Amino acid sequence: MTEEPLSPAFNINVPPEHLEGHYADFASVWHNNETFILDFVSMSRPPTPTRTDEGGAVARIDAQVVTRVRIPAAQVWEVMKALQAQLGQWEQENPDRKLS
C-alpha cells in the first residue's frame, strides 16, 4: 500500500526584531546560474544634480542596500505569481490608487 505524499502546511514565524521590516525605495534584480538576487535599496539623501566625466548632466542618487534576498531559480515563477496575485488584490482594495 502506497501513501499519498502529504501537502506542506507552513507555520512561518517572524522574529520580533524583524517585524518592522525595512523600507526600500526600489529593488535591483539580477541573477547568476542558480539564484535570483533581489537587492532592496533605500536612498540615503535626495538626488543631487552633477555632471559625468564626459560632461553630461545627471542626478546623483546615493543609496544603499538595506536587504538582499537570494531566491532559487526554481522559485522565481512562484514569487512572480504571488506578487501578481497580491497586486491584483491590492488594486481591488484600492481602486483610486492604481499603479502606472
Foldseek 3Di string as FASTA:
>chain_A
DDDDDDDDDDDDDDPPVCVVPDDAPDWDWDDDPWKIKIFGKHFPDFWCWDADPVGHIDTDTHMDGPDMDIDTPVCPVVVVVVVVVVLVVVCVVCVPDDDD
